[in-house]
Protein backbone atom coordinates (compact mmCIF):
# COMPACT_ATOMS: atom_id res chain seq x y z
CA MET A 1 0.00 0.00 0.00
CA MET A 2 2.83 2.43 0.78
CA ASN A 3 4.35 2.11 -2.71
CA ARG A 4 1.01 2.50 -4.45
CA ALA A 5 0.30 5.82 -2.58
CA ALA A 6 3.67 7.22 -3.59
CA VAL A 7 3.15 6.36 -7.25
CA PHE A 8 -0.26 8.09 -7.21
CA ALA A 9 1.17 11.30 -5.69
CA VAL A 10 3.88 11.50 -8.34
CA ALA A 11 1.36 11.07 -11.12
CA VAL A 12 -0.83 13.88 -9.77
CA ALA A 13 2.18 16.25 -9.51
CA LEU A 14 3.18 15.56 -13.10
CA ALA A 15 -0.30 16.30 -14.30
CA ALA A 16 -0.40 19.61 -12.44
CA CYS A 17 2.91 20.75 -14.00
CA GLY A 18 1.75 20.02 -17.51
CA GLY A 19 4.23 17.36 -18.20
CA ASP A 20 7.12 18.28 -20.41
CA ASP A 21 5.52 21.55 -21.89
CA GLN A 22 7.23 24.86 -20.85
CA PRO A 23 5.53 28.41 -20.74
CA GLN A 24 6.42 30.87 -23.66
CA THR A 25 8.17 34.23 -22.86
CA ALA A 26 7.11 37.51 -24.71
CA GLN A 27 9.86 39.28 -26.65
CA VAL A 28 10.40 42.64 -24.97
CA GLY A 29 11.64 45.44 -27.15
CA GLY A 30 12.10 45.57 -30.84
CA PRO A 31 15.00 44.53 -32.89
CA GLY A 32 17.32 45.51 -30.10
CA GLY A 33 15.56 43.44 -27.42
CA PRO A 34 16.55 39.99 -26.25
CA GLY A 35 16.51 37.61 -29.10
CA GLY A 36 16.45 40.43 -31.63
CA PRO A 37 19.17 41.52 -34.00
CA GLY A 38 20.29 44.27 -31.66
CA GLY A 39 21.28 41.93 -28.90
CA PRO A 40 20.32 42.33 -25.22
CA GLY A 41 19.12 45.61 -23.63
CA GLY A 42 15.94 47.18 -25.21
CA GLY A 43 15.26 48.66 -28.65
CA GLN A 44 16.90 51.84 -29.92
CA ARG A 45 15.11 55.00 -28.71
CA THR A 46 14.04 57.64 -31.23
CA PRO A 47 15.95 60.91 -30.51
CA ILE A 48 13.85 63.88 -29.44
CA VAL A 49 14.90 67.16 -31.06
CA GLU A 50 13.64 70.71 -30.83
CA VAL A 51 12.96 72.44 -34.13
CA HIS A 52 12.53 76.02 -35.23
CA THR A 53 10.74 77.36 -38.28
CA VAL A 54 12.88 79.31 -40.75
CA THR A 55 11.46 82.85 -40.95
CA ARG A 56 12.20 86.09 -42.76
CA GLY A 57 13.14 89.33 -41.04
CA SER A 58 15.76 92.03 -40.63
CA ILE A 59 19.15 91.67 -38.99
CA ALA A 60 21.89 94.16 -38.26
CA ARG A 61 25.54 93.60 -37.46
CA ARG A 62 26.31 95.39 -34.24
CA VAL A 63 29.53 96.33 -32.50
CA THR A 64 29.61 97.23 -28.80
CA VAL A 65 32.47 99.34 -27.46
CA THR A 66 33.02 100.51 -23.88
CA GLY A 67 34.06 103.96 -22.77
CA THR A 68 33.75 106.47 -19.94
CA VAL A 69 31.15 109.21 -19.77
CA ASP A 70 32.81 112.63 -19.73
CA PRO A 71 31.52 116.20 -19.73
CA LEU A 72 31.41 117.95 -23.05
CA ARG A 73 34.13 120.27 -21.75
CA LEU A 74 36.08 120.94 -18.56
CA ILE A 75 36.89 124.55 -17.71
CA GLY A 76 39.69 125.48 -15.35
CA VAL A 77 39.16 128.67 -13.33
CA ASN A 78 42.45 130.38 -12.38
CA ALA A 79 43.27 133.43 -10.29
CA GLN A 80 44.05 136.49 -12.43
CA ILE A 81 45.74 138.38 -9.59
CA GLY A 82 47.63 137.34 -6.48
CA GLY A 83 46.38 137.83 -2.97
CA ALA A 84 44.50 136.28 -0.10
CA LEU A 85 41.06 134.78 -0.71
CA THR A 86 38.52 136.61 1.42
CA THR A 87 35.58 134.36 0.48
CA VAL A 88 34.98 131.04 -1.29
CA ASN A 89 31.30 130.61 -2.11
CA VAL A 90 31.01 127.14 -3.70
CA GLN A 91 31.69 123.49 -2.98
CA GLU A 92 32.21 120.43 -5.18
CA GLY A 93 28.97 119.36 -6.82
CA ASP A 94 27.38 122.82 -6.78
CA MET A 95 25.57 123.84 -9.95
CA VAL A 96 26.59 127.36 -10.99
CA ARG A 97 25.45 129.64 -13.77
CA GLN A 98 27.64 131.75 -15.96
CA GLY A 99 28.75 134.91 -14.10
CA ALA A 100 28.11 133.55 -10.60
CA VAL A 101 30.63 134.71 -7.94
CA LEU A 102 32.83 131.81 -6.96
CA ALA A 103 35.38 133.56 -4.74
CA ARG A 104 36.90 136.97 -3.94
CA VAL A 105 40.53 138.06 -3.64
CA ASP A 106 41.64 140.80 -1.27
CA ASP A 107 41.69 143.91 -3.51
CA ARG A 108 42.53 146.68 -1.04
CA GLU A 109 45.97 147.30 -2.53
CA ILE A 110 44.59 147.49 -6.03
CA ALA A 111 41.81 149.79 -4.85
CA SER A 112 44.41 152.20 -3.48
CA GLN A 113 46.36 152.13 -6.69
CA LEU A 114 43.18 152.73 -8.64
CA ALA A 115 42.28 155.73 -6.49
CA ALA A 116 45.75 157.26 -7.07
CA ALA A 117 45.52 156.62 -10.79
CA GLN A 118 42.07 158.16 -10.86
CA ALA A 119 43.40 161.36 -9.24
CA SER A 120 46.27 161.56 -11.71
CA PHE A 121 43.83 161.06 -14.54
CA GLU A 122 41.68 163.95 -13.37
CA VAL A 123 44.75 166.26 -13.30
CA ALA A 124 45.80 165.10 -16.77
CA ALA A 125 42.25 165.55 -18.08
CA ALA A 126 42.11 169.14 -16.79
CA ALA A 127 45.53 169.94 -18.31
CA TYR A 128 44.48 168.47 -21.64
CA GLU A 129 41.25 170.44 -21.70
CA ARG A 130 43.15 173.68 -20.98
CA ALA A 131 45.72 172.86 -23.66
CA GLN A 132 42.93 172.46 -26.20
CA GLN A 133 41.60 175.93 -25.43
CA LEU A 134 45.07 177.53 -25.59
CA ARG A 135 45.88 175.76 -28.81
CA GLU A 136 42.70 177.08 -30.41
CA ARG A 137 43.83 180.64 -29.53
CA ARG A 138 47.38 179.79 -30.65
CA VAL A 139 48.79 180.65 -27.24
CA ILE A 140 50.84 177.39 -26.93
CA THR A 141 52.84 175.57 -29.48
CA LEU A 142 51.92 172.25 -31.04
CA PRO A 143 54.52 170.24 -29.07
CA GLU A 144 53.14 171.59 -25.80
CA TYR A 145 49.66 170.59 -26.84
CA GLU A 146 50.81 167.07 -27.82
CA ARG A 147 52.54 166.69 -24.45
CA ASP A 148 49.34 167.37 -22.48
CA ARG A 149 47.28 165.14 -24.79
CA THR A 150 49.71 162.23 -24.36
CA ALA A 151 49.72 162.62 -20.57
CA TYR A 152 45.94 162.50 -20.59
CA ALA A 153 45.88 159.30 -22.69
CA ALA A 154 48.46 157.60 -20.44
CA ALA A 155 46.52 158.50 -17.28
CA ARG A 156 43.34 157.14 -18.76
CA ALA A 157 45.05 153.87 -19.74
CA GLN A 158 46.43 153.53 -16.22
CA VAL A 159 42.96 153.88 -14.74
CA ASP A 160 41.53 151.32 -17.16
CA GLN A 161 44.29 148.85 -16.34
CA LEU A 162 43.82 149.10 -12.58
CA ARG A 163 40.07 148.97 -12.93
CA THR A 164 40.40 145.72 -14.91
CA ARG A 165 42.73 144.27 -12.29
CA ALA A 166 40.33 145.25 -9.56
CA GLY A 167 37.63 143.35 -11.45
CA TYR A 168 39.79 140.24 -11.34
CA ALA A 169 39.50 140.29 -7.57
CA THR A 170 36.01 138.83 -8.02
CA VAL A 171 36.24 135.30 -9.47
CA ASN A 172 33.21 134.59 -11.67
CA ALA A 173 32.04 131.38 -13.35
CA PRO A 174 32.97 131.52 -17.05
CA ALA A 175 30.18 129.08 -18.03
CA THR A 176 27.22 127.22 -16.61
CA GLY A 177 28.13 123.87 -15.14
CA VAL A 178 28.98 121.83 -12.06
CA ILE A 179 31.92 122.44 -9.75
CA THR A 180 33.97 119.27 -9.98
CA GLU A 181 37.11 120.56 -8.21
CA LYS A 182 37.62 123.12 -5.48
CA LEU A 183 41.33 123.50 -4.79
CA VAL A 184 41.35 126.43 -2.31
CA GLU A 185 39.74 127.54 0.91
CA THR A 186 38.99 130.93 2.42
CA GLY A 187 42.22 132.56 3.65
CA ASP A 188 44.52 130.85 1.16
CA VAL A 189 47.05 133.11 -0.50
CA VAL A 190 47.17 132.49 -4.22
CA GLY A 191 49.38 133.77 -6.96
CA ASN A 192 48.63 134.85 -10.48
CA GLN A 193 47.29 131.93 -12.62
CA THR A 194 46.80 129.63 -9.63
CA ARG A 195 44.10 126.99 -10.35
CA LEU A 196 41.10 127.59 -8.08
CA PHE A 197 38.19 125.54 -9.48
CA THR A 198 37.21 123.19 -12.30
CA ILE A 199 33.76 123.47 -13.88
CA ALA A 200 32.23 120.70 -15.98
CA ASP A 201 29.76 121.63 -18.70
CA ILE A 202 27.19 118.83 -18.36
CA SER A 203 24.57 120.23 -20.71
CA GLN A 204 25.93 117.52 -23.00
CA LEU A 205 27.87 114.42 -22.01
CA VAL A 206 30.16 112.55 -24.37
CA VAL A 207 31.65 109.08 -24.56
CA ARG A 208 34.95 108.90 -26.42
CA LEU A 209 35.62 105.47 -27.90
CA GLY A 210 38.14 103.69 -30.05
CA VAL A 211 36.49 101.90 -32.99
CA SER A 212 38.26 99.48 -35.31
CA GLU A 213 39.32 100.86 -38.67
CA LEU A 214 37.30 98.06 -40.29
CA ASP A 215 34.07 99.31 -38.72
CA VAL A 216 34.54 103.06 -38.50
CA VAL A 217 34.17 103.47 -42.27
CA GLN A 218 30.46 102.66 -41.83
CA LEU A 219 29.89 105.36 -39.20
CA SER A 220 28.88 108.97 -39.85
CA PRO A 221 28.22 111.98 -37.61
CA GLY A 222 24.58 112.13 -36.59
CA ASP A 223 24.01 108.34 -36.68
CA PRO A 224 21.90 107.15 -33.70
CA VAL A 225 23.45 104.73 -31.23
CA ALA A 226 22.23 102.79 -28.20
CA VAL A 227 23.99 103.43 -24.88
CA THR A 228 23.72 101.36 -21.70
CA LEU A 229 25.33 102.15 -18.37
CA ASP A 230 26.63 99.54 -15.94
CA ALA A 231 25.10 101.67 -13.19
CA LEU A 232 21.66 101.35 -14.88
CA PRO A 233 21.80 97.98 -16.69
CA ASN A 234 18.08 97.77 -17.42
CA ARG A 235 17.79 101.17 -19.09
CA GLN A 236 18.84 102.04 -22.62
CA LEU A 237 19.76 105.63 -23.45
CA ALA A 238 19.68 107.32 -26.83
CA GLY A 239 22.82 108.91 -28.21
CA ARG A 240 24.26 110.04 -31.50
CA ILE A 241 27.66 110.22 -33.09
CA ARG A 242 28.99 113.75 -32.59
CA ARG A 243 32.17 113.39 -34.60
CA VAL A 244 34.50 110.81 -36.09
CA PHE A 245 38.12 111.82 -35.77
CA PRO A 246 40.04 112.00 -39.06
CA VAL A 247 43.17 110.25 -37.75
CA GLY A 248 43.44 106.82 -36.13
CA ASP A 249 46.06 105.29 -33.87
CA PRO A 250 48.64 103.56 -36.09
CA THR A 251 49.51 101.12 -33.29
CA THR A 252 46.07 99.90 -32.24
CA ARG A 253 44.29 100.62 -35.55
CA LEU A 254 41.52 102.31 -33.60
CA VAL A 255 39.85 105.54 -34.66
CA PRO A 256 38.44 107.86 -31.95
CA VAL A 257 34.68 108.33 -32.15
CA GLU A 258 32.78 110.76 -29.92
CA VAL A 259 29.20 109.91 -28.94
CA VAL A 260 27.08 112.62 -27.35
CA LEU A 261 24.28 112.23 -24.80
CA ASP A 262 21.95 115.18 -24.53
CA GLY A 263 18.47 115.93 -23.30
CA GLN A 264 16.99 113.29 -21.00
CA SER A 265 19.96 110.96 -21.50
CA ALA A 266 22.37 113.61 -20.21
CA GLN A 267 20.25 114.04 -17.08
CA VAL A 268 20.36 110.33 -16.31
CA ALA A 269 24.07 109.71 -16.91
CA ARG A 270 26.88 111.03 -14.74
CA PRO A 271 30.49 111.82 -15.60
CA GLY A 272 32.71 108.87 -14.79
CA PHE A 273 30.07 106.18 -15.46
CA LEU A 274 31.12 103.21 -17.60
CA ALA A 275 29.11 103.20 -20.83
CA ARG A 276 28.62 100.51 -23.46
CA VAL A 277 27.84 101.96 -26.88
CA THR A 278 26.31 99.76 -29.59
CA PHE A 279 26.78 100.75 -33.22
CA ASP A 280 24.55 99.35 -35.98
CA LEU A 281 26.95 98.79 -38.86
CA THR A 282 25.20 96.75 -41.56
CA THR A 283 21.50 95.95 -41.88
CA SER A 284 19.94 93.22 -44.06
CA ASN A 285 16.18 93.20 -44.62
CA ASN A 286 13.82 90.39 -45.67
CA VAL A 287 16.40 87.65 -45.20
CA LEU A 288 16.10 84.08 -43.88
CA LEU A 289 16.87 83.84 -40.17
CA VAL A 290 17.54 80.86 -37.90
CA PRO A 291 18.84 80.59 -34.32
CA VAL A 292 22.60 80.48 -33.94
CA SER A 293 22.27 77.11 -32.16
CA ALA A 294 20.95 75.54 -35.36
CA VAL A 295 24.20 76.04 -37.29
CA LEU A 296 26.93 73.41 -36.96
CA GLY A 297 30.54 73.62 -38.08
CA GLY A 298 32.88 76.50 -38.71
CA GLN A 299 33.08 79.14 -41.39
CA GLY A 300 33.10 77.54 -44.83
CA ALA A 301 31.79 74.18 -43.57
CA GLN A 302 28.50 75.13 -41.94
CA ALA A 303 25.43 72.91 -41.97
CA VAL A 304 22.05 72.47 -40.33
CA PHE A 305 19.73 69.53 -39.81
CA VAL A 306 16.29 69.84 -41.41
CA VAL A 307 13.39 67.60 -40.37
CA GLU A 308 11.57 66.07 -43.35
CA ASN A 309 8.88 63.49 -42.56
CA ASN A 310 10.49 62.76 -39.17
CA ILE A 311 13.87 62.22 -40.85
CA ALA A 312 16.88 64.40 -39.99
CA VAL A 313 18.49 65.60 -43.22
CA ARG A 314 21.87 67.33 -43.06
CA ARG A 315 21.93 70.45 -45.24
CA THR A 316 24.98 72.56 -46.10
CA VAL A 317 24.29 76.30 -45.72
CA SER A 318 25.98 79.63 -46.31
CA THR A 319 25.54 82.26 -43.58
CA GLY A 320 25.84 86.03 -43.33
CA LEU A 321 25.29 88.44 -40.45
CA THR A 322 24.97 87.23 -36.85
CA SER A 323 23.25 89.29 -34.15
CA GLN A 324 21.30 88.75 -30.93
CA GLY A 325 21.14 84.98 -31.20
CA ARG A 326 20.13 84.92 -34.86
CA VAL A 327 22.08 84.22 -38.02
CA GLU A 328 21.31 85.13 -41.62
CA VAL A 329 21.13 82.18 -44.02
CA ILE A 330 22.17 83.16 -47.54
CA SER A 331 21.68 79.78 -49.21
CA GLY A 332 20.74 76.21 -48.36
CA LEU A 333 17.33 76.74 -46.73
CA SER A 334 13.84 77.82 -47.70
CA ASP A 335 11.24 79.82 -45.85
CA GLY A 336 9.08 77.65 -43.56
CA GLU A 337 11.44 74.69 -43.22
CA GLN A 338 12.01 73.12 -39.81
CA VAL A 339 15.62 73.23 -38.56
CA ILE A 340 16.85 71.41 -35.47
CA VAL A 341 18.13 73.72 -32.74
CA THR A 342 18.55 71.27 -29.85
CA GLY A 343 19.57 67.64 -29.83
CA HIS A 344 21.53 67.58 -33.10
CA SER A 345 25.03 67.13 -31.69
CA SER A 346 24.93 63.35 -32.10
CA LEU A 347 22.61 63.08 -35.09
CA ARG A 348 23.52 61.46 -38.38
CA ASP A 349 22.06 62.18 -41.77
CA GLY A 350 18.92 60.07 -42.33
CA MET A 351 18.16 59.24 -38.70
CA THR A 352 14.54 59.07 -37.56
CA VAL A 353 13.75 61.74 -34.99
CA ARG A 354 10.80 62.97 -32.99
CA ALA A 355 10.44 66.77 -33.40
CA VAL A 356 8.99 69.13 -30.80
CA GLY A 357 8.63 72.90 -30.88
CA GLY A 358 8.67 74.72 -34.17
CA ALA A 359 7.73 78.17 -32.88
CA GLY A 360 8.68 81.17 -34.94
CA GLU A 361 10.47 83.01 -32.14
CA ILE A 362 14.10 82.55 -31.30
CA PRO A 363 14.31 79.97 -28.48
CA THR A 364 15.69 81.23 -25.22
CA GLN A 365 18.24 79.53 -23.06
CA SER A 366 15.57 77.92 -20.95
CA ASN A 367 14.00 76.08 -23.90
CA THR A 368 17.12 75.19 -25.82
CA THR A 369 18.95 73.18 -23.20
CA ALA A 370 16.80 70.06 -22.94
CA PRO A 371 13.26 68.98 -23.68
CA ALA A 372 10.77 69.50 -20.91
CA ALA A 373 9.94 66.64 -18.64
CA ALA A 374 6.62 66.22 -20.43
CA ASP A 375 8.47 65.47 -23.66
CA VAL A 376 10.42 62.57 -22.22
CA PRO A 377 9.11 59.44 -23.93
CA THR A 378 7.10 57.07 -21.77
CA GLN A 379 7.70 53.38 -21.61
CA SER A 380 5.10 52.76 -24.32
CA GLN A 381 7.16 54.95 -26.67
CA THR A 382 10.53 53.43 -25.97
CA ALA A 383 9.81 49.74 -26.21
CA PRO A 384 6.90 47.63 -27.37
CA ALA A 385 4.63 46.46 -24.61
CA ALA A 386 5.31 43.04 -23.26
CA ALA A 387 3.40 40.46 -25.25
CA GLU A 388 0.72 38.73 -23.33
CA ALA A 389 1.88 35.34 -22.19
CA PRO A 390 0.12 32.59 -24.09
CA GLU A 391 -2.47 30.67 -22.17
CA ARG A 392 -1.08 27.67 -20.46
CA PRO A 393 -2.26 24.52 -22.21
CA PRO A 394 -4.74 22.53 -20.15
CA ALA A 395 -3.21 19.95 -17.95
CA ARG A 396 -3.43 16.48 -19.20
CA PRO A 397 -5.82 14.34 -17.21
CA ALA A 398 -4.12 12.40 -14.55
CA ALA A 399 -3.70 8.77 -15.21
CA ALA A 400 -6.22 6.74 -13.34
CA ALA A 401 -4.65 4.92 -10.54
CA THR A 402 -5.74 1.36 -10.57
CA GLN A 403 -5.70 -0.72 -7.64
CA PRO A 404 -5.29 -4.35 -8.10
CA GLY A 405 -8.42 -6.02 -7.33
């Protein structure tokens, strides 16, 4: 009985396992999956690329040069006579108008000399008047008359000279502007031609720049320019070319160009600010434009990838001007084509791709680095779904255990 029970249990177990039949396994992946031509590891994923539509527009070649904002002119105010300063009326930063009194020099000595010269002039004037009357009556000779007339002229010149010197005792502003330097204080003793103040004429501010000889030939006085200040990075000021110097530096090959800021721009800027001036040199209108990131290769061997029916096609192009993230395409593309701007570094001609984007605007840095998370292919896009396992064949009926009668 023990042996018969064991034989029956083995027969039941073999029936439950289906005998010698084994379950079938679904092929996961495509050609690259296990058992496929690509060997182990899943099928090849279709690259995702970002595309941009070729559009027409205008582009200008721009050159940006840095310089320092300076006043239109700086005026040095010097003492015209020597003496002690009795008053100094201004400080650095004060706005003064033409003719304003800046300082006064002690003029008591000159005033005394002027008073003496005035007295001598009155005596000479009386003598000259009397000589005229006597000469008319022929009482005095001509030399005597000439002597009195000359003395009168000399006395008058002496008075005028001292009166002018006395006027120099009051130091006036020669022009309207801002006091940028005050080199003296009240009580200082100054000599003739001693520098007292510096006045900056800020009605117009200028930026003097050095522009390459290759670019300056396209600049003319009066051309508008765009100016930005490091102190005000988010504000663009309007300027214009005031003059282009006729002689360049033979060492650096740079030609001085003077840009003027006036009106509202002059009120915003300050002397000493660092300015960045942008010159528009060459403008092309109604040309094909693509993002700079779409162009591969160097000058003379440039190409782009164009998407045609989900196929990446390498196209050789010729380019022109480049500005603000855009490049002019002279030949090789047509209006409305889709060029790849992101994801083309490892592409080959003829590869199948999945294109996203295609907007007409130039992509920014945020949308040219990598596709968004929503664009990442899901599992259903990367590999075929696992095939359903075939139904297990029905177990063969267990052999009837017979018991010997």
